[in-house]
N, C-alpha and C. Protein backbone atom coordinates (compact mmCIF):
# COMPACT_ATOMS: atom_id res chain seq x y z
N MET A 1 -9.09 -32.97 73.90
CA MET A 1 -8.48 -31.75 74.39
C MET A 1 -9.35 -30.55 74.02
N LYS A 2 -9.89 -30.57 72.82
CA LYS A 2 -10.71 -29.45 72.37
C LYS A 2 -11.87 -29.21 73.34
N GLN A 3 -12.52 -30.28 73.75
CA GLN A 3 -13.64 -30.14 74.69
C GLN A 3 -13.16 -29.60 76.03
N LEU A 4 -12.02 -30.05 76.49
CA LEU A 4 -11.49 -29.54 77.76
C LEU A 4 -11.11 -28.07 77.65
N TRP A 5 -10.53 -27.69 76.54
CA TRP A 5 -10.18 -26.28 76.37
C TRP A 5 -11.44 -25.41 76.36
N GLU A 6 -12.52 -25.93 75.79
CA GLU A 6 -13.76 -25.16 75.70
C GLU A 6 -14.59 -25.23 76.98
N ARG A 7 -14.48 -26.32 77.74
CA ARG A 7 -15.35 -26.55 78.89
C ARG A 7 -14.59 -26.91 80.16
N SER A 8 -13.56 -26.22 80.44
CA SER A 8 -12.75 -26.58 81.60
C SER A 8 -13.17 -25.79 82.82
N PRO A 9 -13.21 -26.43 83.95
CA PRO A 9 -13.04 -27.86 84.22
C PRO A 9 -14.31 -28.63 83.89
N SER A 10 -14.17 -29.93 83.65
CA SER A 10 -15.30 -30.79 83.30
C SER A 10 -15.19 -32.14 84.00
N THR A 11 -16.34 -32.73 84.24
CA THR A 11 -16.38 -34.08 84.80
C THR A 11 -16.36 -35.07 83.64
N LEU A 12 -16.16 -36.33 83.96
CA LEU A 12 -16.18 -37.39 82.95
C LEU A 12 -17.54 -37.41 82.26
N GLY A 13 -18.60 -37.28 83.03
CA GLY A 13 -19.95 -37.29 82.46
C GLY A 13 -20.18 -36.13 81.50
N GLU A 14 -19.71 -34.94 81.87
CA GLU A 14 -19.87 -33.77 81.01
C GLU A 14 -19.10 -33.94 79.70
N LEU A 15 -17.88 -34.46 79.79
CA LEU A 15 -17.08 -34.67 78.59
C LEU A 15 -17.70 -35.74 77.69
N THR A 16 -18.19 -36.81 78.29
CA THR A 16 -18.82 -37.88 77.51
C THR A 16 -20.05 -37.34 76.79
N LYS A 17 -20.86 -36.57 77.49
CA LYS A 17 -22.08 -35.99 76.89
C LYS A 17 -21.72 -35.06 75.73
N ALA A 18 -20.65 -34.29 75.87
CA ALA A 18 -20.24 -33.36 74.82
C ALA A 18 -19.64 -34.10 73.62
N LEU A 19 -18.91 -35.18 73.86
CA LEU A 19 -18.22 -35.90 72.78
C LEU A 19 -19.08 -36.93 72.06
N GLU A 20 -20.05 -37.50 72.74
CA GLU A 20 -20.82 -38.61 72.19
C GLU A 20 -21.50 -38.31 70.86
N PRO A 21 -22.16 -37.17 70.69
CA PRO A 21 -22.83 -36.94 69.40
C PRO A 21 -21.87 -36.92 68.20
N GLU A 22 -20.70 -36.38 68.41
CA GLU A 22 -19.74 -36.25 67.31
C GLU A 22 -18.91 -37.52 67.11
N THR A 23 -18.58 -38.19 68.20
CA THR A 23 -17.64 -39.31 68.12
C THR A 23 -18.27 -40.68 68.37
N GLY A 24 -19.38 -40.70 69.11
CA GLY A 24 -19.98 -41.98 69.49
C GLY A 24 -19.26 -42.66 70.64
N TRP A 25 -18.31 -41.97 71.26
CA TRP A 25 -17.52 -42.56 72.33
C TRP A 25 -18.36 -42.77 73.58
N THR A 26 -18.08 -43.90 74.23
CA THR A 26 -18.74 -44.22 75.49
C THR A 26 -17.96 -43.60 76.65
N ARG A 27 -18.55 -43.67 77.81
CA ARG A 27 -17.90 -43.18 79.03
C ARG A 27 -16.55 -43.87 79.24
N ALA A 28 -16.52 -45.17 78.98
CA ALA A 28 -15.28 -45.94 79.18
C ALA A 28 -14.18 -45.46 78.22
N THR A 29 -14.53 -45.16 76.98
CA THR A 29 -13.55 -44.68 76.01
C THR A 29 -12.99 -43.33 76.43
N VAL A 30 -13.88 -42.43 76.84
CA VAL A 30 -13.44 -41.10 77.27
C VAL A 30 -12.54 -41.23 78.50
N PHE A 31 -12.88 -42.13 79.41
CA PHE A 31 -12.07 -42.34 80.61
C PHE A 31 -10.66 -42.82 80.25
N VAL A 32 -10.57 -43.76 79.32
CA VAL A 32 -9.26 -44.27 78.89
C VAL A 32 -8.43 -43.14 78.26
N LEU A 33 -9.07 -42.33 77.42
CA LEU A 33 -8.35 -41.21 76.80
C LEU A 33 -7.87 -40.22 77.86
N LEU A 34 -8.71 -39.94 78.84
CA LEU A 34 -8.31 -39.03 79.91
C LEU A 34 -7.13 -39.59 80.69
N LYS A 35 -7.15 -40.89 80.98
CA LYS A 35 -6.03 -41.51 81.69
C LYS A 35 -4.73 -41.36 80.89
N ARG A 36 -4.81 -41.54 79.58
CA ARG A 36 -3.62 -41.40 78.74
C ARG A 36 -3.12 -39.96 78.74
N LEU A 37 -4.05 -39.01 78.68
CA LEU A 37 -3.67 -37.60 78.69
C LEU A 37 -3.07 -37.20 80.04
N ILE A 38 -3.57 -37.78 81.11
CA ILE A 38 -3.01 -37.52 82.44
C ILE A 38 -1.58 -38.07 82.50
N ALA A 39 -1.37 -39.27 81.97
CA ALA A 39 -0.03 -39.88 81.96
C ALA A 39 0.96 -39.05 81.15
N LYS A 40 0.47 -38.32 80.14
CA LYS A 40 1.33 -37.48 79.31
C LYS A 40 1.45 -36.06 79.86
N ASN A 41 0.90 -35.83 81.05
CA ASN A 41 0.91 -34.51 81.68
C ASN A 41 0.23 -33.44 80.83
N ALA A 42 -0.80 -33.85 80.10
CA ALA A 42 -1.57 -32.90 79.29
C ALA A 42 -2.85 -32.50 80.01
N VAL A 43 -3.29 -33.35 80.96
CA VAL A 43 -4.54 -33.12 81.69
C VAL A 43 -4.30 -33.39 83.17
N ARG A 44 -5.00 -32.61 83.99
CA ARG A 44 -4.95 -32.80 85.44
C ARG A 44 -6.32 -33.27 85.92
N MET A 45 -6.31 -34.18 86.89
CA MET A 45 -7.55 -34.65 87.50
C MET A 45 -7.58 -34.17 88.94
N ASP A 46 -8.65 -33.48 89.30
CA ASP A 46 -8.84 -33.00 90.67
C ASP A 46 -9.81 -33.95 91.36
N GLU A 47 -9.30 -34.67 92.34
CA GLU A 47 -10.11 -35.66 93.05
C GLU A 47 -10.78 -35.09 94.29
N ASN A 48 -10.65 -33.81 94.55
CA ASN A 48 -11.21 -33.22 95.75
C ASN A 48 -12.69 -32.89 95.61
N GLN A 49 -13.23 -33.04 94.44
CA GLN A 49 -14.65 -32.78 94.19
C GLN A 49 -15.46 -34.06 94.42
N ARG A 50 -16.79 -33.92 94.41
CA ARG A 50 -17.66 -35.09 94.52
C ARG A 50 -17.40 -36.04 93.34
N SER A 51 -17.29 -35.45 92.16
CA SER A 51 -16.89 -36.20 90.96
C SER A 51 -15.51 -35.70 90.56
N ASN A 52 -14.72 -36.56 89.97
CA ASN A 52 -13.41 -36.12 89.49
C ASN A 52 -13.61 -35.04 88.44
N VAL A 53 -12.78 -34.02 88.51
CA VAL A 53 -12.87 -32.90 87.58
C VAL A 53 -11.56 -32.83 86.81
N TYR A 54 -11.67 -32.67 85.49
CA TYR A 54 -10.52 -32.67 84.60
C TYR A 54 -10.29 -31.28 84.01
N SER A 55 -9.01 -30.91 83.92
CA SER A 55 -8.62 -29.62 83.36
C SER A 55 -7.38 -29.81 82.51
N PRO A 56 -7.25 -29.01 81.44
CA PRO A 56 -6.04 -29.12 80.61
C PRO A 56 -4.83 -28.52 81.32
N LEU A 57 -3.70 -29.12 81.12
CA LEU A 57 -2.43 -28.59 81.63
C LEU A 57 -1.63 -27.91 80.53
N ILE A 58 -2.05 -28.13 79.29
CA ILE A 58 -1.37 -27.48 78.17
C ILE A 58 -2.33 -26.48 77.53
N VAL A 59 -1.77 -25.44 76.98
CA VAL A 59 -2.55 -24.38 76.35
C VAL A 59 -2.63 -24.66 74.86
N ARG A 60 -3.82 -24.51 74.32
CA ARG A 60 -4.05 -24.78 72.89
C ARG A 60 -3.04 -24.04 72.02
N GLU A 61 -2.82 -22.79 72.31
CA GLU A 61 -1.90 -21.98 71.50
C GLU A 61 -0.47 -22.49 71.56
N ASP A 62 -0.12 -23.19 72.64
CA ASP A 62 1.23 -23.74 72.76
C ASP A 62 1.41 -25.01 71.93
N ILE A 63 0.35 -25.78 71.78
CA ILE A 63 0.46 -27.07 71.11
C ILE A 63 0.15 -26.98 69.61
N ALA A 64 -0.67 -26.02 69.20
CA ALA A 64 -1.11 -25.93 67.81
C ALA A 64 0.06 -25.84 66.81
N PRO A 65 1.07 -25.01 67.04
CA PRO A 65 2.16 -24.94 66.05
C PRO A 65 2.88 -26.29 65.87
N ALA A 66 3.13 -26.99 66.94
CA ALA A 66 3.82 -28.29 66.83
C ALA A 66 2.94 -29.31 66.11
N GLU A 67 1.65 -29.31 66.40
CA GLU A 67 0.73 -30.24 65.73
C GLU A 67 0.61 -29.91 64.25
N THR A 68 0.57 -28.63 63.92
CA THR A 68 0.50 -28.21 62.52
C THR A 68 1.75 -28.66 61.78
N GLU A 69 2.90 -28.46 62.39
CA GLU A 69 4.17 -28.87 61.78
C GLU A 69 4.21 -30.39 61.59
N SER A 70 3.74 -31.12 62.58
CA SER A 70 3.71 -32.58 62.49
C SER A 70 2.80 -33.03 61.34
N PHE A 71 1.62 -32.42 61.24
CA PHE A 71 0.69 -32.74 60.15
C PHE A 71 1.32 -32.44 58.79
N LEU A 72 1.91 -31.27 58.67
CA LEU A 72 2.55 -30.88 57.42
C LEU A 72 3.63 -31.88 57.02
N ASN A 73 4.43 -32.31 57.97
CA ASN A 73 5.49 -33.28 57.68
C ASN A 73 4.94 -34.65 57.32
N ARG A 74 3.93 -35.12 58.05
CA ARG A 74 3.37 -36.45 57.81
C ARG A 74 2.63 -36.53 56.48
N VAL A 75 1.83 -35.53 56.19
CA VAL A 75 0.93 -35.62 55.04
C VAL A 75 1.54 -35.04 53.77
N TYR A 76 2.31 -33.97 53.90
CA TYR A 76 2.83 -33.27 52.72
C TYR A 76 4.35 -33.24 52.66
N ASP A 77 5.00 -34.13 53.38
CA ASP A 77 6.46 -34.18 53.40
C ASP A 77 7.08 -32.81 53.70
N GLY A 78 6.41 -32.04 54.52
CA GLY A 78 6.93 -30.74 54.93
C GLY A 78 6.72 -29.62 53.93
N SER A 79 6.02 -29.90 52.85
CA SER A 79 5.84 -28.90 51.79
C SER A 79 4.59 -28.06 52.02
N LEU A 80 4.80 -26.83 52.43
CA LEU A 80 3.69 -25.90 52.62
C LEU A 80 3.01 -25.61 51.28
N GLU A 81 3.79 -25.52 50.24
CA GLU A 81 3.24 -25.25 48.91
C GLU A 81 2.30 -26.37 48.46
N MET A 82 2.69 -27.62 48.71
CA MET A 82 1.87 -28.75 48.34
C MET A 82 0.55 -28.75 49.13
N MET A 83 0.63 -28.45 50.42
CA MET A 83 -0.57 -28.42 51.25
C MET A 83 -1.50 -27.31 50.77
N PHE A 84 -0.96 -26.13 50.57
CA PHE A 84 -1.77 -24.99 50.14
C PHE A 84 -2.42 -25.26 48.79
N SER A 85 -1.66 -25.83 47.86
CA SER A 85 -2.18 -26.16 46.54
C SER A 85 -3.32 -27.18 46.66
N SER A 86 -3.14 -28.17 47.49
CA SER A 86 -4.17 -29.19 47.69
C SER A 86 -5.45 -28.58 48.27
N LEU A 87 -5.29 -27.73 49.25
CA LEU A 87 -6.46 -27.11 49.88
C LEU A 87 -7.20 -26.19 48.92
N THR A 88 -6.48 -25.40 48.18
CA THR A 88 -7.12 -24.42 47.31
C THR A 88 -7.67 -25.03 46.02
N SER A 89 -7.15 -26.16 45.61
CA SER A 89 -7.67 -26.78 44.38
C SER A 89 -8.97 -27.54 44.64
N ARG A 90 -9.25 -27.88 45.87
CA ARG A 90 -10.45 -28.64 46.21
C ARG A 90 -11.64 -27.76 46.55
N LYS A 91 -11.39 -26.50 46.87
CA LYS A 91 -12.46 -25.63 47.33
C LYS A 91 -12.32 -24.26 46.70
N LYS A 92 -13.43 -23.74 46.19
CA LYS A 92 -13.42 -22.38 45.65
C LYS A 92 -13.35 -21.41 46.83
N LEU A 93 -12.35 -20.58 46.82
CA LEU A 93 -12.17 -19.63 47.91
C LEU A 93 -13.02 -18.38 47.68
N SER A 94 -13.62 -17.89 48.75
CA SER A 94 -14.38 -16.65 48.65
C SER A 94 -13.41 -15.47 48.62
N ALA A 95 -13.92 -14.31 48.25
CA ALA A 95 -13.09 -13.10 48.24
C ALA A 95 -12.58 -12.79 49.64
N GLU A 96 -13.41 -13.06 50.65
CA GLU A 96 -13.00 -12.82 52.05
C GLU A 96 -11.86 -13.74 52.45
N GLU A 97 -11.95 -15.01 52.06
CA GLU A 97 -10.88 -15.96 52.38
C GLU A 97 -9.58 -15.57 51.69
N ILE A 98 -9.68 -15.16 50.44
CA ILE A 98 -8.48 -14.75 49.71
C ILE A 98 -7.85 -13.53 50.37
N ALA A 99 -8.68 -12.59 50.80
CA ALA A 99 -8.18 -11.39 51.48
C ALA A 99 -7.49 -11.75 52.79
N GLU A 100 -8.06 -12.70 53.53
CA GLU A 100 -7.46 -13.15 54.79
C GLU A 100 -6.10 -13.80 54.53
N ILE A 101 -6.04 -14.62 53.49
CA ILE A 101 -4.78 -15.29 53.15
C ILE A 101 -3.73 -14.25 52.75
N ARG A 102 -4.14 -13.26 51.99
CA ARG A 102 -3.20 -12.19 51.60
C ARG A 102 -2.65 -11.48 52.84
N GLN A 103 -3.52 -11.21 53.80
CA GLN A 103 -3.08 -10.54 55.03
C GLN A 103 -2.07 -11.40 55.78
N ILE A 104 -2.33 -12.69 55.83
CA ILE A 104 -1.41 -13.62 56.50
C ILE A 104 -0.05 -13.61 55.79
N LEU A 105 -0.08 -13.67 54.47
CA LEU A 105 1.17 -13.67 53.71
C LEU A 105 1.90 -12.34 53.84
N ASP A 106 1.16 -11.24 53.86
CA ASP A 106 1.79 -9.92 54.05
C ASP A 106 2.48 -9.85 55.41
N ARG A 107 1.81 -10.36 56.45
CA ARG A 107 2.42 -10.36 57.79
C ARG A 107 3.68 -11.23 57.80
N ALA A 108 3.61 -12.37 57.13
CA ALA A 108 4.78 -13.26 57.08
C ALA A 108 5.93 -12.58 56.35
N GLU A 109 5.62 -11.88 55.28
CA GLU A 109 6.66 -11.17 54.53
C GLU A 109 7.26 -10.06 55.36
N ASN A 110 6.44 -9.34 56.09
CA ASN A 110 6.94 -8.24 56.94
C ASN A 110 7.75 -8.76 58.12
N ASN A 111 7.39 -9.92 58.65
CA ASN A 111 8.16 -10.52 59.75
C ASN A 111 9.56 -10.90 59.30
N GLY A 112 9.70 -11.26 58.05
CA GLY A 112 11.01 -11.63 57.51
C GLY A 112 11.94 -10.47 57.30
N LYS A 113 11.41 -9.24 57.36
CA LYS A 113 12.23 -8.04 57.12
C LYS A 113 12.83 -7.48 58.38
N ASP A 114 12.56 -8.10 59.51
CA ASP A 114 13.09 -7.58 60.79
C ASP A 114 14.57 -7.78 60.92
């Protein structure tokens, strides 16, 4: 999906070329994944072109919150504190990262005051 969001519309060949260095996936593997995504109504295939062209039917911003929640539940039993602690204990945060996190927390705190 990431490749489709970044390179839409794309042919099977274009997607395979973009994915192969990172994943090692063959054309057949990418085709199977596209078929599954089409069946889930996440991707559309346009057959009116010389080559089939694929485009996302879902918007990244619409799916990211649900995927994040699913990850949090699966890996950290829904505990945001546990996830945050795990992430920050493994990596030294820069001053910029800490400032960004503070801004996020400030926005969250202000949203709760509405």
